[in-house]
Amino acid sequence: MAYNEQLADRVKRSLERRRVRFAEKKMFGGLCFLVDDKMLVGVEKERMMARIDPEESPQILSRPGVKPMDFTGKIMKGFVFVDDKSLDMDKDLDYWLDITLRYNPKANSSSKTKIKNKLPMNSNQVDPTDPMAPGMPEQPTTTPMAAPKPARKKAAKKAAAPAPVVAAAAPAPAAPKKAARKAAKKAVKKAVAKKAVKKAVAKKAVKKAAKKAAKKAAVKKVVRKAAKKRTVKKAVKKAVRKSAVRKAVRKAVRKRAAKKAVRKATRPAKRAVRKAARKVGRTARKAGRKVARGVRRAARKVGRR
């Protein structure tokens, strides 16, 4: 069953700080925390299950990251799913624990969820049957009270059949063997516990390293995206500038073409005007010459007279 172990540890630590007697049980495809044999909250995949008061469900469902619990395909009243993204802060997690603990005394307990061992396995209460539990006195390695029983058996054997006691004294080393076996079992349990602790520490370190790597990768992706956006913007600006220059060149070319066309169109008219002016000048010159000749002739006649 895969579930968010980090979120489950946060829930467990928060309940221990509150000194709440709780128990853990794997159900609903994840890890659930029970108080008084009634489900309080649970962790399933990357979200948290919470048991709330059905009367308060409309207000609670309006919060971001909350939706009705449809684990079996049907909506279950009084149960909601909370996304782990909306539980990043400890305040948000405390809010949900306050709601569930407030409703827990009112909730009905189901016979299916009853636990055989009702001792809560948290830091506030320790199972007295666990020899490795902290704070418990160590069990003695020898069994001094077991010695009188074989003594009675030996006395009964002596009274029944008077025989040499050499063969009856053989079972005496059984007590040290039992003590050695117990000590070996304790050593094995301690070694297993140490290995489990080391594995847990290694897992936490690996998770932290993975988170750091993920954060770095996310930062790198953001930087790359920003750089790409900048390059795209620069390229767009360059393209816009190029297009503007092209437009200006086109306009200038069009203006020049228009001027050339105007010049071509006005050339024949200019030529005609020039020709007309030349003709007018010639006729004026001719008329002037005739007038000058007439004046000269008149002057000559007057001079002769």
C-alpha atoms as a PDB file:
ATOM      1  CA  MET A   1       0.000   0.000   0.000  1.00  0.00           C
ATOM      2  CA  ALA A   2       1.605   3.253  -1.193  1.00  0.00           C
ATOM      3  CA  TYR A   3       0.944   6.388   0.816  1.00  0.00           C
ATOM      4  CA  ASN A   4       2.730   9.597   1.720  1.00  0.00           C
ATOM      5  CA  GLU A   5       4.901   8.520   4.664  1.00  0.00           C
ATOM      6  CA  GLN A   6       6.027  12.081   5.363  1.00  0.00           C
ATOM      7  CA  LEU A   7       2.437  13.264   5.782  1.00  0.00           C
ATOM      8  CA  ALA A   8       1.694  10.256   8.006  1.00  0.00           C
ATOM      9  CA  ASP A   9       4.700  11.128  10.223  1.00  0.00           C
ATOM     10  CA  ARG A  10       3.463  14.708  10.519  1.00  0.00           C
ATOM     11  CA  VAL A  11       0.005  13.519  11.605  1.00  0.00           C
ATOM     12  CA  LYS A  12       1.540  11.124  14.127  1.00  0.00           C
ATOM     13  CA  ARG A  13       3.811  13.807  15.612  1.00  0.00           C
ATOM     14  CA  SER A  14       0.937  16.268  15.855  1.00  0.00           C
ATOM     15  CA  LEU A  15      -1.249  13.741  17.691  1.00  0.00           C
ATOM     16  CA  GLU A  16       1.622  12.928  20.052  1.00  0.00           C
ATOM     17  CA  ARG A  17       2.099  16.612  20.837  1.00  0.00           C
ATOM     18  CA  ARG A  18      -1.580  16.800  21.734  1.00  0.00           C
ATOM     19  CA  ARG A  19      -1.193  13.669  23.938  1.00  0.00           C
ATOM     20  CA  VAL A  20      -4.038  11.917  22.169  1.00  0.00           C
ATOM     21  CA  ARG A  21      -4.417   8.148  22.652  1.00  0.00           C
ATOM     22  CA  PHE A  22      -4.528   6.754  19.118  1.00  0.00           C
ATOM     23  CA  ALA A  23      -3.859   3.611  17.146  1.00  0.00           C
ATOM     24  CA  GLU A  24      -2.651   2.981  13.610  1.00  0.00           C
ATOM     25  CA  LYS A  25      -4.306   0.602  11.178  1.00  0.00           C
ATOM     26  CA  LYS A  26      -3.826  -0.060   7.478  1.00  0.00           C
ATOM     27  CA  MET A  27      -7.161   0.371   5.718  1.00  0.00           C
ATOM     28  CA  PHE A  28      -8.708   2.177   2.730  1.00  0.00           C
ATOM     29  CA  GLY A  29      -5.522   1.474   0.821  1.00  0.00           C
ATOM     30  CA  GLY A  30      -3.392   3.547   3.213  1.00  0.00           C
ATOM     31  CA  LEU A  31      -2.645   4.213   6.885  1.00  0.00           C
ATOM     32  CA  CYS A  32      -5.481   5.348   9.194  1.00  0.00           C
ATOM     33  CA  PHE A  33      -5.302   6.815  12.708  1.00  0.00           C
ATOM     34  CA  LEU A  34      -8.064   5.715  15.086  1.00  0.00           C
ATOM     35  CA  VAL A  35      -9.179   7.283  18.373  1.00  0.00           C
ATOM     36  CA  ASP A  36     -11.545   5.264  20.604  1.00  0.00           C
ATOM     37  CA  ASP A  37     -11.826   2.600  17.858  1.00  0.00           C
ATOM     38  CA  LYS A  38     -13.141   5.280  15.461  1.00  0.00           C
ATOM     39  CA  MET A  39     -11.371   6.586  12.405  1.00  0.00           C
ATOM     40  CA  LEU A  40      -9.981  10.101  12.848  1.00  0.00           C
ATOM     41  CA  VAL A  41      -7.844  10.736   9.759  1.00  0.00           C
ATOM     42  CA  GLY A  42      -5.967   8.658   7.232  1.00  0.00           C
ATOM     43  CA  VAL A  43      -3.290   9.006   4.574  1.00  0.00           C
ATOM     44  CA  GLU A  44      -3.950   7.478   1.164  1.00  0.00           C
ATOM     45  CA  LYS A  45      -1.590   8.060  -1.793  1.00  0.00           C
ATOM     46  CA  GLU A  46      -0.840  11.808  -1.899  1.00  0.00           C
ATOM     47  CA  ARG A  47      -3.917  12.966   0.033  1.00  0.00           C
ATOM     48  CA  MET A  48      -5.448  12.802   3.476  1.00  0.00           C
ATOM     49  CA  MET A  49      -8.808  11.333   4.485  1.00  0.00           C
ATOM     50  CA  ALA A  50     -10.691  13.135   7.244  1.00  0.00           C
ATOM     51  CA  ARG A  51     -13.875  12.224   9.123  1.00  0.00           C
ATOM     52  CA  ILE A  52     -15.920  15.361   9.726  1.00  0.00           C
ATOM     53  CA  ASP A  53     -19.348  16.349  10.970  1.00  0.00           C
ATOM     54  CA  PRO A  54     -21.830  15.926   8.071  1.00  0.00           C
ATOM     55  CA  GLU A  55     -23.588  19.119   9.144  1.00  0.00           C
ATOM     56  CA  GLU A  56     -20.397  21.115   8.582  1.00  0.00           C
ATOM     57  CA  SER A  57     -19.579  19.503   5.225  1.00  0.00           C
ATOM     58  CA  PRO A  58     -20.955  22.391   3.035  1.00  0.00           C
ATOM     59  CA  GLN A  59     -18.629  24.884   4.715  1.00  0.00           C
ATOM     60  CA  ILE A  60     -15.648  22.521   4.694  1.00  0.00           C
ATOM     61  CA  LEU A  61     -16.098  21.507   1.045  1.00  0.00           C
ATOM     62  CA  SER A  62     -15.819  25.168   0.046  1.00  0.00           C
ATOM     63  CA  ARG A  63     -12.149  25.174   1.101  1.00  0.00           C
ATOM     64  CA  PRO A  64      -9.497  24.751  -1.629  1.00  0.00           C
ATOM     65  CA  GLY A  65      -8.151  21.240  -2.192  1.00  0.00           C
ATOM     66  CA  VAL A  66     -11.153  19.524  -0.530  1.00  0.00           C
ATOM     67  CA  LYS A  67     -13.578  17.146  -2.239  1.00  0.00           C
ATOM     68  CA  PRO A  68     -16.048  14.478  -1.104  1.00  0.00           C
ATOM     69  CA  MET A  69     -14.675  11.013  -0.458  1.00  0.00           C
ATOM     70  CA  ASP A  70     -15.785   8.613  -3.204  1.00  0.00           C
ATOM     71  CA  PHE A  71     -13.437   5.722  -2.417  1.00  0.00           C
ATOM     72  CA  THR A  72     -16.035   3.031  -3.221  1.00  0.00           C
ATOM     73  CA  GLY A  73     -17.509   4.880  -6.199  1.00  0.00           C
ATOM     74  CA  LYS A  74     -20.198   6.490  -4.052  1.00  0.00           C
ATOM     75  CA  ILE A  75     -19.891   9.652  -1.988  1.00  0.00           C
ATOM     76  CA  MET A  76     -19.474   8.773   1.710  1.00  0.00           C
ATOM     77  CA  LYS A  77     -21.146  11.199   4.095  1.00  0.00           C
ATOM     78  CA  GLY A  78     -18.899  12.671   6.746  1.00  0.00           C
ATOM     79  CA  PHE A  79     -15.675  11.791   4.886  1.00  0.00           C
ATOM     80  CA  VAL A  80     -13.602  14.095   2.670  1.00  0.00           C
ATOM     81  CA  PHE A  81     -10.344  13.974   0.731  1.00  0.00           C
ATOM     82  CA  VAL A  82      -7.807  16.753   1.366  1.00  0.00           C
ATOM     83  CA  ASP A  83      -5.014  17.356  -1.151  1.00  0.00           C
ATOM     84  CA  ASP A  84      -1.505  17.270   0.348  1.00  0.00           C
ATOM     85  CA  LYS A  85      -0.673  20.593  -1.351  1.00  0.00           C
ATOM     86  CA  SER A  86      -3.168  22.338   0.928  1.00  0.00           C
ATOM     87  CA  LEU A  87      -1.440  20.777   3.991  1.00  0.00           C
ATOM     88  CA  ASP A  88       2.035  22.265   3.517  1.00  0.00           C
ATOM     89  CA  MET A  89       1.735  24.437   6.629  1.00  0.00           C
ATOM     90  CA  ASP A  90       1.361  22.987  10.135  1.00  0.00           C
ATOM     91  CA  LYS A  91      -1.544  25.390  10.727  1.00  0.00           C
ATOM     92  CA  ASP A  92      -3.558  23.708   7.958  1.00  0.00           C
ATOM     93  CA  LEU A  93      -2.904  20.239   9.389  1.00  0.00           C
ATOM     94  CA  ASP A  94      -3.850  21.420  12.906  1.00  0.00           C
ATOM     95  CA  TYR A  95      -7.097  22.837  11.485  1.00  0.00           C
ATOM     96  CA  TRP A  96      -8.141  19.413  10.152  1.00  0.00           C
ATOM     97  CA  LEU A  97      -7.091  17.608  13.326  1.00  0.00           C
ATOM     98  CA  ASP A  98      -9.136  20.067  15.405  1.00  0.00           C
ATOM     99  CA  ILE A  99     -12.226  19.410  13.265  1.00  0.00           C
ATOM    100  CA  THR A 100     -11.864  15.632  13.360  1.00  0.00           C
ATOM    101  CA  LEU A 101     -11.117  15.495  17.108  1.00  0.00           C
ATOM    102  CA  ARG A 102     -14.137  17.694  17.803  1.00  0.00           C
ATOM    103  CA  TYR A 103     -16.416  15.327  15.897  1.00  0.00           C
ATOM    104  CA  ASN A 104     -14.814  12.067  17.096  1.00  0.00           C
ATOM    105  CA  PRO A 105     -16.865  11.765  20.351  1.00  0.00           C
ATOM    106  CA  LYS A 106     -20.110  12.178  18.342  1.00  0.00           C
ATOM    107  CA  ALA A 107     -19.150   9.675  15.626  1.00  0.00           C
ATOM    108  CA  ASN A 108     -20.483   6.121  15.688  1.00  0.00           C
ATOM    109  CA  SER A 109     -17.970   3.320  16.058  1.00  0.00           C
ATOM    110  CA  SER A 110     -18.140   0.386  13.660  1.00  0.00           C
ATOM    111  CA  SER A 111     -17.580  -3.213  14.756  1.00  0.00           C
ATOM    112  CA  LYS A 112     -15.347  -3.748  11.731  1.00  0.00           C
ATOM    113  CA  THR A 113     -12.845  -1.157  12.917  1.00  0.00           C
ATOM    114  CA  LYS A 114     -12.394  -2.520  16.468  1.00  0.00           C
ATOM    115  CA  ILE A 115      -8.829  -3.424  17.375  1.00  0.00           C
ATOM    116  CA  LYS A 116      -7.860  -6.457  19.428  1.00  0.00           C
ATOM    117  CA  ASN A 117      -5.084  -4.632  21.258  1.00  0.00           C
ATOM    118  CA  LYS A 118      -6.589  -1.352  22.483  1.00  0.00           C
ATOM    119  CA  LEU A 119      -3.285  -0.013  23.792  1.00  0.00           C
ATOM    120  CA  PRO A 120      -2.314   3.045  21.685  1.00  0.00           C
ATOM    121  CA  MET A 121       1.145   2.621  20.213  1.00  0.00           C
ATOM    122  CA  ASN A 122       2.321   6.194  20.710  1.00  0.00           C
ATOM    123  CA  SER A 123       4.793   7.971  22.959  1.00  0.00           C
ATOM    124  CA  ASN A 124       2.266   8.553  25.762  1.00  0.00           C
ATOM    125  CA  GLN A 125       1.635   4.879  26.572  1.00  0.00           C
ATOM    126  CA  VAL A 126       3.918   1.862  26.114  1.00  0.00           C
ATOM    127  CA  ASP A 127       2.966  -1.740  25.664  1.00  0.00           C
ATOM    128  CA  PRO A 128       4.162  -3.514  28.862  1.00  0.00           C
ATOM    129  CA  THR A 129       4.515  -6.821  27.015  1.00  0.00           C
ATOM    130  CA  ASP A 130       7.216  -5.391  24.726  1.00  0.00           C
ATOM    131  CA  PRO A 131      10.661  -6.246  26.224  1.00  0.00           C
ATOM    132  CA  MET A 132      12.340  -3.617  23.988  1.00  0.00           C
ATOM    133  CA  ALA A 133      10.031  -0.760  25.051  1.00  0.00           C
ATOM    134  CA  PRO A 134      11.835   2.316  26.473  1.00  0.00           C
ATOM    135  CA  GLY A 135      11.455   3.059  30.162  1.00  0.00           C
ATOM    136  CA  MET A 136      10.728  -0.594  31.150  1.00  0.00           C
ATOM    137  CA  PRO A 137      13.098  -2.427  33.535  1.00  0.00           C
ATOM    138  CA  GLU A 138      15.191  -5.075  31.876  1.00  0.00           C
ATOM    139  CA  GLN A 139      14.119  -8.663  32.414  1.00  0.00           C
ATOM    140  CA  PRO A 140      16.563 -10.783  34.429  1.00  0.00           C
ATOM    141  CA  THR A 141      18.606 -13.133  32.332  1.00  0.00           C
ATOM    142  CA  THR A 142      18.523 -15.970  34.881  1.00  0.00           C
ATOM    143  CA  THR A 143      15.564 -17.841  36.366  1.00  0.00           C
ATOM    144  CA  PRO A 144      16.365 -18.348  40.065  1.00  0.00           C
ATOM    145  CA  MET A 145      12.768 -19.319  40.986  1.00  0.00           C
ATOM    146  CA  ALA A 146      12.731 -22.300  38.642  1.00  0.00           C
ATOM    147  CA  ALA A 147      15.279 -24.213  40.733  1.00  0.00           C
ATOM    148  CA  PRO A 148      12.961 -25.577  43.509  1.00  0.00           C
ATOM    149  CA  LYS A 149      10.752 -27.535  41.030  1.00  0.00           C
ATOM    150  CA  PRO A 150      13.467 -29.923  39.837  1.00  0.00           C
ATOM    151  CA  ALA A 151      14.543 -30.316  43.488  1.00  0.00           C
ATOM    152  CA  ARG A 152      11.048 -31.655  44.377  1.00  0.00           C
ATOM    153  CA  LYS A 153      11.144 -34.022  41.420  1.00  0.00           C
ATOM    154  CA  LYS A 154      14.524 -35.269  42.518  1.00  0.00           C
ATOM    155  CA  ALA A 155      13.211 -35.884  46.071  1.00  0.00           C
ATOM    156  CA  ALA A 156      10.214 -37.821  44.698  1.00  0.00           C
ATOM    157  CA  LYS A 157      12.493 -39.961  42.507  1.00  0.00           C
ATOM    158  CA  LYS A 158      14.754 -40.689  45.481  1.00  0.00           C
ATOM    159  CA  ALA A 159      11.798 -41.750  47.622  1.00  0.00           C
ATOM    160  CA  ALA A 160      10.331 -43.981  44.888  1.00  0.00           C
ATOM    161  CA  ALA A 161      13.485 -45.780  43.824  1.00  0.00           C
ATOM    162  CA  PRO A 162      16.752 -45.510  45.768  1.00  0.00           C
ATOM    163  CA  ALA A 163      19.223 -45.179  42.910  1.00  0.00           C
ATOM    164  CA  PRO A 164      22.430 -43.194  42.463  1.00  0.00           C
ATOM    165  CA  VAL A 165      21.836 -39.435  41.883  1.00  0.00           C
ATOM    166  CA  VAL A 166      24.474 -39.147  39.137  1.00  0.00           C
ATOM    167  CA  ALA A 167      21.945 -39.411  36.246  1.00  0.00           C
ATOM    168  CA  ALA A 168      19.385 -36.997  37.869  1.00  0.00           C
ATOM    169  CA  ALA A 169      21.900 -34.164  38.193  1.00  0.00           C
ATOM    170  CA  ALA A 170      22.259 -33.845  34.362  1.00  0.00           C
ATOM    171  CA  PRO A 171      19.238 -31.437  33.714  1.00  0.00           C
ATOM    172  CA  ALA A 172      20.789 -28.696  35.910  1.00  0.00           C
ATOM    173  CA  PRO A 173      22.459 -26.766  33.002  1.00  0.00           C
ATOM    174  CA  ALA A 174      19.017 -26.093  31.376  1.00  0.00           C
ATOM    175  CA  ALA A 175      18.654 -22.725  33.165  1.00  0.00           C
ATOM    176  CA  PRO A 176      21.848 -21.204  31.698  1.00  0.00           C
ATOM    177  CA  LYS A 177      20.836 -22.455  28.228  1.00  0.00           C
ATOM    178  CA  LYS A 178      17.437 -20.734  28.522  1.00  0.00           C
ATOM    179  CA  ALA A 179      19.097 -17.531  29.725  1.00  0.00           C
ATOM    180  CA  ALA A 180      21.531 -17.681  26.814  1.00  0.00           C
ATOM    181  CA  ARG A 181      18.665 -18.199  24.383  1.00  0.00           C
ATOM    182  CA  LYS A 182      16.788 -15.230  25.848  1.00  0.00           C
ATOM    183  CA  ALA A 183      19.893 -13.062  25.683  1.00  0.00           C
ATOM    184  CA  ALA A 184      20.438 -14.144  22.060  1.00  0.00           C
ATOM    185  CA  LYS A 185      16.824 -13.310  21.183  1.00  0.00           C
ATOM    186  CA  LYS A 186      17.186  -9.878  22.805  1.00  0.00           C
ATOM    187  CA  ALA A 187      20.416  -9.237  20.921  1.00  0.00           C
ATOM    188  CA  VAL A 188      18.723 -10.254  17.655  1.00  0.00           C
ATOM    189  CA  LYS A 189      15.764  -7.952  18.391  1.00  0.00           C
ATOM    190  CA  LYS A 190      18.117  -5.068  19.188  1.00  0.00           C
ATOM    191  CA  ALA A 191      20.065  -5.686  15.980  1.00  0.00           C
ATOM    192  CA  VAL A 192      16.833  -5.806  13.955  1.00  0.00           C
ATOM    193  CA  ALA A 193      15.631  -2.589  15.624  1.00  0.00           C
ATOM    194  CA  LYS A 194      18.951  -0.883  14.866  1.00  0.00           C
ATOM    195  CA  LYS A 195      18.766  -2.009  11.240  1.00  0.00           C
ATOM    196  CA  ALA A 196      15.199  -0.709  10.987  1.00  0.00           C
ATOM    197  CA  VAL A 197      16.259   2.632  12.464  1.00  0.00           C
ATOM    198  CA  LYS A 198      19.199   2.871  10.067  1.00  0.00           C
ATOM    199  CA  LYS A 199      16.918   2.059   7.127  1.00  0.00           C
ATOM    200  CA  ALA A 200      14.424   4.692   8.236  1.00  0.00           C
ATOM    201  CA  VAL A 201      17.183   7.294   8.603  1.00  0.00           C
ATOM    202  CA  ALA A 202      18.579   6.341   5.183  1.00  0.00           C
ATOM    203  CA  LYS A 203      15.097   6.621   3.643  1.00  0.00           C
ATOM    204  CA  LYS A 204      14.625  10.066   5.175  1.00  0.00           C
ATOM    205  CA  ALA A 205      18.029  11.175   3.910  1.00  0.00           C
ATOM    206  CA  VAL A 206      17.222   9.840   0.437  1.00  0.00           C
ATOM    207  CA  LYS A 207      13.867  11.630   0.478  1.00  0.00           C
ATOM    208  CA  LYS A 208      15.507  14.899   1.535  1.00  0.00           C
ATOM    209  CA  ALA A 209      18.122  14.524  -1.199  1.00  0.00           C
ATOM    210  CA  ALA A 210      15.397  13.745  -3.736  1.00  0.00           C
ATOM    211  CA  LYS A 211      13.423  16.810  -2.642  1.00  0.00           C
ATOM    212  CA  LYS A 212      16.500  19.025  -2.923  1.00  0.00           C
ATOM    213  CA  ALA A 213      17.253  17.604  -6.365  1.00  0.00           C
ATOM    214  CA  ALA A 214      13.632  18.143  -7.411  1.00  0.00           C
ATOM    215  CA  LYS A 215      13.757  21.746  -6.168  1.00  0.00           C
ATOM    216  CA  LYS A 216      17.004  22.367  -8.038  1.00  0.00           C
ATOM    217  CA  ALA A 217      15.563  20.800 -11.174  1.00  0.00           C
ATOM    218  CA  ALA A 218      12.429  22.939 -10.830  1.00  0.00           C
ATOM    219  CA  VAL A 219      14.550  26.085 -10.393  1.00  0.00           C
ATOM    220  CA  LYS A 220      16.617  25.146 -13.431  1.00  0.00           C
ATOM    221  CA  LYS A 221      13.470  24.595 -15.462  1.00  0.00           C
ATOM    222  CA  VAL A 222      12.112  27.984 -14.407  1.00  0.00           C
ATOM    223  CA  VAL A 223      15.418  29.656 -15.320  1.00  0.00           C
ATOM    224  CA  ARG A 224      15.453  27.902 -18.672  1.00  0.00           C
ATOM    225  CA  LYS A 225      11.889  28.935 -19.376  1.00  0.00           C
ATOM    226  CA  ALA A 226      12.699  32.530 -18.456  1.00  0.00           C
ATOM    227  CA  ALA A 227      15.779  32.466 -20.693  1.00  0.00           C
ATOM    228  CA  LYS A 228      13.725  31.003 -23.530  1.00  0.00           C
ATOM    229  CA  LYS A 229      11.098  33.687 -23.040  1.00  0.00           C
ATOM    230  CA  ARG A 230      13.773  36.381 -23.144  1.00  0.00           C
ATOM    231  CA  THR A 231      15.315  34.966 -26.314  1.00  0.00           C
ATOM    232  CA  VAL A 232      11.869  34.682 -27.872  1.00  0.00           C
ATOM    233  CA  LYS A 233      11.112  38.295 -26.942  1.00  0.00           C
ATOM    234  CA  LYS A 234      14.424  39.439 -28.412  1.00  0.00           C
ATOM    235  CA  ALA A 235      13.772  37.451 -31.572  1.00  0.00           C
ATOM    236  CA  VAL A 236      10.287  38.956 -31.822  1.00  0.00           C
ATOM    237  CA  LYS A 237      11.694  42.455 -31.374  1.00  0.00           C
ATOM    238  CA  LYS A 238      14.311  41.815 -34.038  1.00  0.00           C
ATOM    239  CA  ALA A 239      11.687  40.434 -36.374  1.00  0.00           C
ATOM    240  CA  VAL A 240       9.485  43.464 -35.719  1.00  0.00           C
ATOM    241  CA  ARG A 241      12.395  45.777 -36.386  1.00  0.00           C
ATOM    242  CA  LYS A 242      13.249  43.930 -39.577  1.00  0.00           C
ATOM    243  CA  SER A 243       9.653  44.046 -40.702  1.00  0.00           C
ATOM    244  CA  ALA A 244       9.492  47.781 -39.915  1.00  0.00           C
ATOM    245  CA  VAL A 245      12.680  48.392 -41.904  1.00  0.00           C
ATOM    246  CA  ARG A 246      11.329  46.349 -44.750  1.00  0.00           C
ATOM    247  CA  LYS A 247       8.122  48.329 -44.704  1.00  0.00           C
ATOM    248  CA  ALA A 248      10.054  51.611 -44.713  1.00  0.00           C
ATOM    249  CA  VAL A 249      12.218  50.388 -47.621  1.00  0.00           C
ATOM    250  CA  ARG A 250       9.135  49.319 -49.499  1.00  0.00           C
ATOM    251  CA  LYS A 251       7.528  52.689 -48.921  1.00  0.00           C
ATOM    252  CA  ALA A 252      10.674  54.507 -50.100  1.00  0.00           C
ATOM    253  CA  VAL A 253      10.856  52.264 -53.151  1.00  0.00           C
ATOM    254  CA  ARG A 254       7.226  52.956 -53.892  1.00  0.00           C
ATOM    255  CA  LYS A 255       7.789  56.701 -53.531  1.00  0.00           C
ATOM    256  CA  ARG A 256      10.745  56.559 -55.892  1.00  0.00           C
ATOM    257  CA  ALA A 257       8.748  54.510 -58.360  1.00  0.00           C
ATOM    258  CA  ALA A 258       5.907  57.032 -58.116  1.00  0.00           C
ATOM    259  CA  LYS A 259       8.313  59.909 -58.727  1.00  0.00           C
ATOM    260  CA  LYS A 260       9.775  58.120 -61.725  1.00  0.00           C
ATOM    261  CA  ALA A 261       6.305  57.463 -63.053  1.00  0.00           C
ATOM    262  CA  VAL A 262       5.386  61.129 -62.593  1.00  0.00           C
ATOM    263  CA  ARG A 263       8.570  62.177 -64.326  1.00  0.00           C
ATOM    264  CA  LYS A 264       7.875  59.814 -67.192  1.00  0.00           C
ATOM    265  CA  ALA A 265       4.319  61.053 -67.430  1.00  0.00           C
ATOM    266  CA  THR A 266       5.365  64.742 -67.376  1.00  0.00           C
ATOM    267  CA  ARG A 267       8.221  64.435 -69.852  1.00  0.00           C
ATOM    268  CA  PRO A 268       6.059  64.617 -73.020  1.00  0.00           C
ATOM    269  CA  ALA A 269       4.154  67.586 -71.615  1.00  0.00           C
ATOM    270  CA  LYS A 270       7.394  69.366 -70.754  1.00  0.00           C
ATOM    271  CA  ARG A 271       8.742  68.676 -74.197  1.00  0.00           C
ATOM    272  CA  ALA A 272       5.558  70.037 -75.787  1.00  0.00           C
ATOM    273  CA  VAL A 273       5.772  73.152 -73.610  1.00  0.00           C
ATOM    274  CA  ARG A 274       9.395  73.653 -74.554  1.00  0.00           C
ATOM    275  CA  LYS A 275       8.603  73.232 -78.222  1.00  0.00           C
ATOM    276  CA  ALA A 276       5.727  75.682 -77.945  1.00  0.00           C
ATOM    277  CA  ALA A 277       7.968  78.146 -76.140  1.00  0.00           C
ATOM    278  CA  ARG A 278      10.610  77.779 -78.820  1.00  0.00           C
ATOM    279  CA  LYS A 279       8.033  78.370 -81.542  1.00  0.00           C
ATOM    280  CA  VAL A 280       6.670  81.396 -79.744  1.00  0.00           C
ATOM    281  CA  GLY A 281      10.192  82.745 -79.369  1.00  0.00           C
ATOM    282  CA  ARG A 282      10.948  82.272 -83.021  1.00  0.00           C
ATOM    283  CA  THR A 283       7.762  84.008 -84.124  1.00  0.00           C
ATOM    284  CA  ALA A 284       8.445  86.839 -81.696  1.00  0.00           C
ATOM    285  CA  ARG A 285      11.949  87.204 -82.992  1.00  0.00           C
ATOM    286  CA  LYS A 286      10.723  87.264 -86.561  1.00  0.00           C
ATOM    287  CA  ALA A 287       8.106  89.879 -85.739  1.00  0.00           C
ATOM    288  CA  GLY A 288      10.712  91.963 -83.944  1.00  0.00           C
ATOM    289  CA  ARG A 289      13.040  91.757 -86.867  1.00  0.00           C
ATOM    290  CA  LYS A 290      10.290  92.903 -89.264  1.00  0.00           C
ATOM    291  CA  VAL A 291       9.429  95.828 -87.015  1.00  0.00           C
ATOM    292  CA  ALA A 292      13.087  96.812 -86.813  1.00  0.00           C
ATOM    293  CA  ARG A 293      13.404  96.694 -90.575  1.00  0.00           C
ATOM    294  CA  GLY A 294      10.319  98.879 -91.020  1.00  0.00           C
ATOM    295  CA  VAL A 295      11.690 101.421 -88.561  1.00  0.00           C
ATOM    296  CA  ARG A 296      14.976 101.538 -90.333  1.00  0.00           C
ATOM    297  CA  ARG A 297      13.321 102.036 -93.677  1.00  0.00           C
ATOM    298  CA  ALA A 298      11.205 104.881 -92.300  1.00  0.00           C
ATOM    299  CA  ALA A 299      14.268 106.508 -90.830  1.00  0.00           C
ATOM    300  CA  ARG A 300      16.097 106.287 -94.114  1.00  0.00           C
ATOM    301  CA  LYS A 301      13.189 107.895 -95.981  1.00  0.00           C
ATOM    302  CA  VAL A 302      13.043 110.718 -93.439  1.00  0.00           C
ATOM    303  CA  GLY A 303      16.794 111.220 -93.790  1.00  0.00           C
ATOM    304  CA  ARG A 304      16.583 111.480 -97.518  1.00  0.00           C
ATOM    305  CA  ARG A 305      13.932 114.130 -97.433  1.00  0.00           C
END
